[in-house]
Amino acid sequence: MMAEDTTADATRRLNVKKQTLDDAYAAPANFLEIDVVNPVTSMGVGKKRYTDYEVRMRTNLPVFKVKESSVRRRYSDFEWLRNELERDSKIVVPPLPGKALKRQLPFRGDDGIFEEEFIEDRRKGLEVFINKIAGHPLAQNERCLHMFLQEQVIDKNYVPGKIRNT
């Protein structure tokens, strides 16, 4: 008889409060939104073209001091972040979208890496990459991620380390 009571107690459903519409549409308890948008192709030094992207972040996570930011980043900046995380953190870092070396060859009949379709595909891939990284609890403490998301200029001579909440 005792075993039946224990089993019944263990398998009884929890009394869960019904969710109201206010609960369902209220601001989430914790959120981190990162969008990679507005690609712009510019002429750099020596008539070399490059494309950079606006990286917008909104969050209420306590680990981020700045709650909203917008910075411009090139593909090489994403590569820098990936390399820093691989070297200094204990997380498995996802791959970046491909480098598209064949698209950079001369004498192509198209715009190569500056074609709109390629830029859009890369933008989507970079957005997936940065959201995977930033969503990882261990990565959220890395100084390089904070610099990447919130500083207008990346100080590549920074001292790697963790962000401490004070």
C-alpha atoms as a PDB file:
ATOM      1  CA  MET A   1       0.000   0.000   0.000  1.00  0.00           C
ATOM      2  CA  MET A   2       2.851   2.375   0.861  1.00  0.00           C
ATOM      3  CA  ALA A   3       4.524   1.814  -2.544  1.00  0.00           C
ATOM      4  CA  GLU A   4       1.327   2.762  -4.389  1.00  0.00           C
ATOM      5  CA  ASP A   5       1.056   6.057  -2.481  1.00  0.00           C
ATOM      6  CA  THR A   6       4.693   6.921  -3.258  1.00  0.00           C
ATOM      7  CA  THR A   7       4.215   6.146  -6.959  1.00  0.00           C
ATOM      8  CA  ALA A   8       1.041   8.216  -7.110  1.00  0.00           C
ATOM      9  CA  ASP A   9       2.812  11.148  -5.429  1.00  0.00           C
ATOM     10  CA  ALA A  10       5.813  10.882  -7.743  1.00  0.00           C
ATOM     11  CA  THR A  11       3.756  10.814 -10.931  1.00  0.00           C
ATOM     12  CA  ARG A  12       1.111  13.391  -9.997  1.00  0.00           C
ATOM     13  CA  ARG A  13       1.143  16.465 -12.192  1.00  0.00           C
ATOM     14  CA  LEU A  14       2.370  19.693 -10.735  1.00  0.00           C
ATOM     15  CA  ASN A  15      -0.232  22.371 -10.215  1.00  0.00           C
ATOM     16  CA  VAL A  16       0.905  24.857 -12.821  1.00  0.00           C
ATOM     17  CA  LYS A  17      -0.573  28.353 -12.960  1.00  0.00           C
ATOM     18  CA  LYS A  18      -2.243  29.042 -16.304  1.00  0.00           C
ATOM     19  CA  GLN A  19      -0.298  31.533 -18.420  1.00  0.00           C
ATOM     20  CA  THR A  20      -2.152  34.777 -19.114  1.00  0.00           C
ATOM     21  CA  LEU A  21      -1.786  36.871 -22.267  1.00  0.00           C
ATOM     22  CA  ASP A  22       0.116  39.460 -20.230  1.00  0.00           C
ATOM     23  CA  ASP A  23       2.588  36.761 -19.169  1.00  0.00           C
ATOM     24  CA  ALA A  24       2.953  35.445 -22.704  1.00  0.00           C
ATOM     25  CA  TYR A  25       3.648  38.846 -24.263  1.00  0.00           C
ATOM     26  CA  ALA A  26       5.607  40.461 -21.448  1.00  0.00           C
ATOM     27  CA  ALA A  27       9.308  41.226 -21.837  1.00  0.00           C
ATOM     28  CA  PRO A  28      11.323  38.026 -21.393  1.00  0.00           C
ATOM     29  CA  ALA A  29      13.151  37.588 -18.099  1.00  0.00           C
ATOM     30  CA  ASN A  30      16.541  37.422 -19.845  1.00  0.00           C
ATOM     31  CA  PHE A  31      17.182  38.200 -23.482  1.00  0.00           C
ATOM     32  CA  LEU A  32      20.076  38.745 -25.842  1.00  0.00           C
ATOM     33  CA  GLU A  33      19.271  39.830 -29.392  1.00  0.00           C
ATOM     34  CA  ILE A  34      21.993  40.288 -31.983  1.00  0.00           C
ATOM     35  CA  ASP A  35      21.320  41.261 -35.568  1.00  0.00           C
ATOM     36  CA  VAL A  36      23.862  41.552 -38.367  1.00  0.00           C
ATOM     37  CA  VAL A  37      22.383  44.086 -40.807  1.00  0.00           C
ATOM     38  CA  ASN A  38      23.086  46.864 -43.304  1.00  0.00           C
ATOM     39  CA  PRO A  39      26.062  45.553 -45.281  1.00  0.00           C
ATOM     40  CA  VAL A  40      28.044  48.386 -46.893  1.00  0.00           C
ATOM     41  CA  THR A  41      30.771  47.898 -49.494  1.00  0.00           C
ATOM     42  CA  SER A  42      33.440  50.609 -49.375  1.00  0.00           C
ATOM     43  CA  MET A  43      36.700  51.464 -51.086  1.00  0.00           C
ATOM     44  CA  GLY A  44      39.650  50.978 -48.753  1.00  0.00           C
ATOM     45  CA  VAL A  45      43.348  51.773 -49.042  1.00  0.00           C
ATOM     46  CA  GLY A  46      44.846  51.091 -52.473  1.00  0.00           C
ATOM     47  CA  LYS A  47      41.422  50.869 -54.129  1.00  0.00           C
ATOM     48  CA  LYS A  48      40.689  47.609 -52.297  1.00  0.00           C
ATOM     49  CA  ARG A  49      37.000  47.089 -51.697  1.00  0.00           C
ATOM     50  CA  TYR A  50      35.608  45.571 -48.512  1.00  0.00           C
ATOM     51  CA  THR A  51      32.185  44.972 -47.009  1.00  0.00           C
ATOM     52  CA  ASP A  52      31.331  45.653 -43.407  1.00  0.00           C
ATOM     53  CA  TYR A  53      28.170  44.914 -41.461  1.00  0.00           C
ATOM     54  CA  GLU A  54      26.324  46.608 -38.640  1.00  0.00           C
ATOM     55  CA  VAL A  55      26.180  44.388 -35.549  1.00  0.00           C
ATOM     56  CA  ARG A  56      23.309  45.481 -33.290  1.00  0.00           C
ATOM     57  CA  MET A  57      22.914  44.099 -29.790  1.00  0.00           C
ATOM     58  CA  ARG A  58      20.106  44.457 -27.251  1.00  0.00           C
ATOM     59  CA  THR A  59      20.125  42.670 -23.913  1.00  0.00           C
ATOM     60  CA  ASN A  60      19.132  42.802 -20.289  1.00  0.00           C
ATOM     61  CA  LEU A  61      21.711  40.222 -19.194  1.00  0.00           C
ATOM     62  CA  PRO A  62      23.637  41.518 -16.163  1.00  0.00           C
ATOM     63  CA  VAL A  63      27.007  40.429 -17.596  1.00  0.00           C
ATOM     64  CA  PHE A  64      26.713  43.169 -20.269  1.00  0.00           C
ATOM     65  CA  LYS A  65      27.160  46.682 -18.864  1.00  0.00           C
ATOM     66  CA  VAL A  66      25.956  48.298 -22.086  1.00  0.00           C
ATOM     67  CA  LYS A  67      22.386  47.208 -22.833  1.00  0.00           C
ATOM     68  CA  GLU A  68      22.209  48.419 -26.458  1.00  0.00           C
ATOM     69  CA  SER A  69      25.019  48.828 -28.943  1.00  0.00           C
ATOM     70  CA  SER A  70      25.662  49.144 -32.649  1.00  0.00           C
ATOM     71  CA  VAL A  71      29.089  48.642 -34.234  1.00  0.00           C
ATOM     72  CA  ARG A  72      30.386  47.992 -37.760  1.00  0.00           C
ATOM     73  CA  ARG A  73      32.453  44.852 -38.342  1.00  0.00           C
ATOM     74  CA  ARG A  74      34.252  43.290 -41.304  1.00  0.00           C
ATOM     75  CA  TYR A  75      34.576  39.560 -41.945  1.00  0.00           C
ATOM     76  CA  SER A  76      38.157  39.763 -40.636  1.00  0.00           C
ATOM     77  CA  ASP A  77      36.795  41.050 -37.292  1.00  0.00           C
ATOM     78  CA  PHE A  78      34.605  37.951 -36.998  1.00  0.00           C
ATOM     79  CA  GLU A  79      37.714  35.853 -37.775  1.00  0.00           C
ATOM     80  CA  TRP A  80      39.594  37.687 -35.017  1.00  0.00           C
ATOM     81  CA  LEU A  81      36.808  36.946 -32.498  1.00  0.00           C
ATOM     82  CA  ARG A  82      36.710  33.288 -33.473  1.00  0.00           C
ATOM     83  CA  ASN A  83      40.496  32.950 -33.119  1.00  0.00           C
ATOM     84  CA  GLU A  84      40.486  34.697 -29.726  1.00  0.00           C
ATOM     85  CA  LEU A  85      37.752  32.424 -28.389  1.00  0.00           C
ATOM     86  CA  GLU A  86      39.438  29.286 -29.722  1.00  0.00           C
ATOM     87  CA  ARG A  87      42.703  30.261 -28.081  1.00  0.00           C
ATOM     88  CA  ASP A  88      41.484  31.574 -24.734  1.00  0.00           C
ATOM     89  CA  SER A  89      38.188  29.938 -23.855  1.00  0.00           C
ATOM     90  CA  LYS A  90      37.023  26.439 -23.126  1.00  0.00           C
ATOM     91  CA  ILE A  91      34.090  26.488 -25.535  1.00  0.00           C
ATOM     92  CA  VAL A  92      33.732  24.778 -28.893  1.00  0.00           C
ATOM     93  CA  VAL A  93      33.613  27.655 -31.359  1.00  0.00           C
ATOM     94  CA  PRO A  94      31.310  27.184 -34.368  1.00  0.00           C
ATOM     95  CA  PRO A  95      32.693  27.723 -37.868  1.00  0.00           C
ATOM     96  CA  LEU A  96      32.339  30.974 -39.775  1.00  0.00           C
ATOM     97  CA  PRO A  97      30.719  31.055 -43.199  1.00  0.00           C
ATOM     98  CA  GLY A  98      33.344  30.187 -45.832  1.00  0.00           C
ATOM     99  CA  LYS A  99      36.073  32.537 -47.009  1.00  0.00           C
ATOM    100  CA  ALA A 100      34.943  32.185 -50.665  1.00  0.00           C
ATOM    101  CA  LEU A 101      38.455  32.140 -52.107  1.00  0.00           C
ATOM    102  CA  LYS A 102      37.233  31.220 -55.621  1.00  0.00           C
ATOM    103  CA  ARG A 103      35.053  34.329 -55.648  1.00  0.00           C
ATOM    104  CA  GLN A 104      38.173  36.457 -55.116  1.00  0.00           C
ATOM    105  CA  LEU A 105      39.979  35.261 -58.237  1.00  0.00           C
ATOM    106  CA  PRO A 106      40.585  37.898 -60.944  1.00  0.00           C
ATOM    107  CA  PHE A 107      38.904  37.839 -64.364  1.00  0.00           C
ATOM    108  CA  ARG A 108      35.562  36.613 -63.089  1.00  0.00           C
ATOM    109  CA  GLY A 109      32.489  37.603 -65.062  1.00  0.00           C
ATOM    110  CA  ASP A 110      30.737  38.803 -61.901  1.00  0.00           C
ATOM    111  CA  ASP A 111      31.423  40.900 -58.801  1.00  0.00           C
ATOM    112  CA  GLY A 112      32.696  37.903 -56.795  1.00  0.00           C
ATOM    113  CA  ILE A 113      32.538  38.555 -53.075  1.00  0.00           C
ATOM    114  CA  PHE A 114      30.799  41.878 -53.729  1.00  0.00           C
ATOM    115  CA  GLU A 115      27.708  40.357 -55.370  1.00  0.00           C
ATOM    116  CA  GLU A 116      24.512  41.126 -53.442  1.00  0.00           C
ATOM    117  CA  GLU A 117      23.512  37.461 -53.144  1.00  0.00           C
ATOM    118  CA  PHE A 118      26.902  36.472 -51.723  1.00  0.00           C
ATOM    119  CA  ILE A 119      26.900  39.403 -49.278  1.00  0.00           C
ATOM    120  CA  GLU A 120      23.405  38.475 -48.071  1.00  0.00           C
ATOM    121  CA  ASP A 121      24.343  34.807 -47.612  1.00  0.00           C
ATOM    122  CA  ARG A 122      27.452  35.822 -45.689  1.00  0.00           C
ATOM    123  CA  ARG A 123      25.441  38.267 -43.554  1.00  0.00           C
ATOM    124  CA  LYS A 124      23.042  35.477 -42.572  1.00  0.00           C
ATOM    125  CA  GLY A 125      25.946  33.151 -41.767  1.00  0.00           C
ATOM    126  CA  LEU A 126      27.675  35.796 -39.633  1.00  0.00           C
ATOM    127  CA  GLU A 127      24.424  36.434 -37.757  1.00  0.00           C
ATOM    128  CA  VAL A 128      24.022  32.725 -36.975  1.00  0.00           C
ATOM    129  CA  PHE A 129      27.681  32.563 -35.889  1.00  0.00           C
ATOM    130  CA  ILE A 130      27.568  35.539 -33.512  1.00  0.00           C
ATOM    131  CA  ASN A 131      24.260  34.441 -31.968  1.00  0.00           C
ATOM    132  CA  LYS A 132      25.628  30.953 -31.262  1.00  0.00           C
ATOM    133  CA  ILE A 133      28.739  32.447 -29.659  1.00  0.00           C
ATOM    134  CA  ALA A 134      26.969  35.135 -27.648  1.00  0.00           C
ATOM    135  CA  GLY A 135      24.305  32.694 -26.485  1.00  0.00           C
ATOM    136  CA  HIS A 136      26.915  30.479 -24.826  1.00  0.00           C
ATOM    137  CA  PRO A 137      27.096  31.243 -21.070  1.00  0.00           C
ATOM    138  CA  LEU A 138      30.888  30.799 -20.925  1.00  0.00           C
ATOM    139  CA  ALA A 139      31.494  33.008 -23.966  1.00  0.00           C
ATOM    140  CA  GLN A 140      29.398  35.780 -22.390  1.00  0.00           C
ATOM    141  CA  ASN A 141      32.169  36.282 -19.838  1.00  0.00           C
ATOM    142  CA  GLU A 142      34.956  36.704 -22.408  1.00  0.00           C
ATOM    143  CA  ARG A 143      36.388  40.214 -22.754  1.00  0.00           C
ATOM    144  CA  CYS A 144      36.916  39.762 -26.519  1.00  0.00           C
ATOM    145  CA  LEU A 145      33.164  39.163 -27.061  1.00  0.00           C
ATOM    146  CA  HIS A 146      32.259  42.309 -25.127  1.00  0.00           C
ATOM    147  CA  MET A 147      34.779  44.328 -27.118  1.00  0.00           C
ATOM    148  CA  PHE A 148      33.514  42.858 -30.400  1.00  0.00           C
ATOM    149  CA  LEU A 149      29.864  43.669 -29.613  1.00  0.00           C
ATOM    150  CA  GLN A 150      30.225  46.991 -27.821  1.00  0.00           C
ATOM    151  CA  GLU A 151      33.435  48.870 -28.686  1.00  0.00           C
ATOM    152  CA  GLN A 152      33.571  50.944 -31.864  1.00  0.00           C
ATOM    153  CA  VAL A 153      37.237  50.013 -32.359  1.00  0.00           C
ATOM    154  CA  ILE A 154      38.608  46.588 -31.456  1.00  0.00           C
ATOM    155  CA  ASP A 155      41.823  46.883 -29.442  1.00  0.00           C
ATOM    156  CA  LYS A 156      43.729  43.886 -30.756  1.00  0.00           C
ATOM    157  CA  ASN A 157      46.405  44.476 -28.081  1.00  0.00           C
ATOM    158  CA  TYR A 158      43.873  43.933 -25.271  1.00  0.00           C
ATOM    159  CA  VAL A 159      44.615  41.598 -22.370  1.00  0.00           C
ATOM    160  CA  PRO A 160      42.453  38.467 -22.772  1.00  0.00           C
ATOM    161  CA  GLY A 161      40.352  37.532 -19.783  1.00  0.00           C
ATOM    162  CA  LYS A 162      36.971  37.281 -18.172  1.00  0.00           C
ATOM    163  CA  ILE A 163      34.496  40.059 -17.480  1.00  0.00           C
ATOM    164  CA  ARG A 164      33.809  40.413 -13.778  1.00  0.00           C
ATOM    165  CA  ASN A 165      30.429  41.657 -12.588  1.00  0.00           C
ATOM    166  CA  THR A 166      30.889  44.358  -9.966  1.00  0.00           C
END
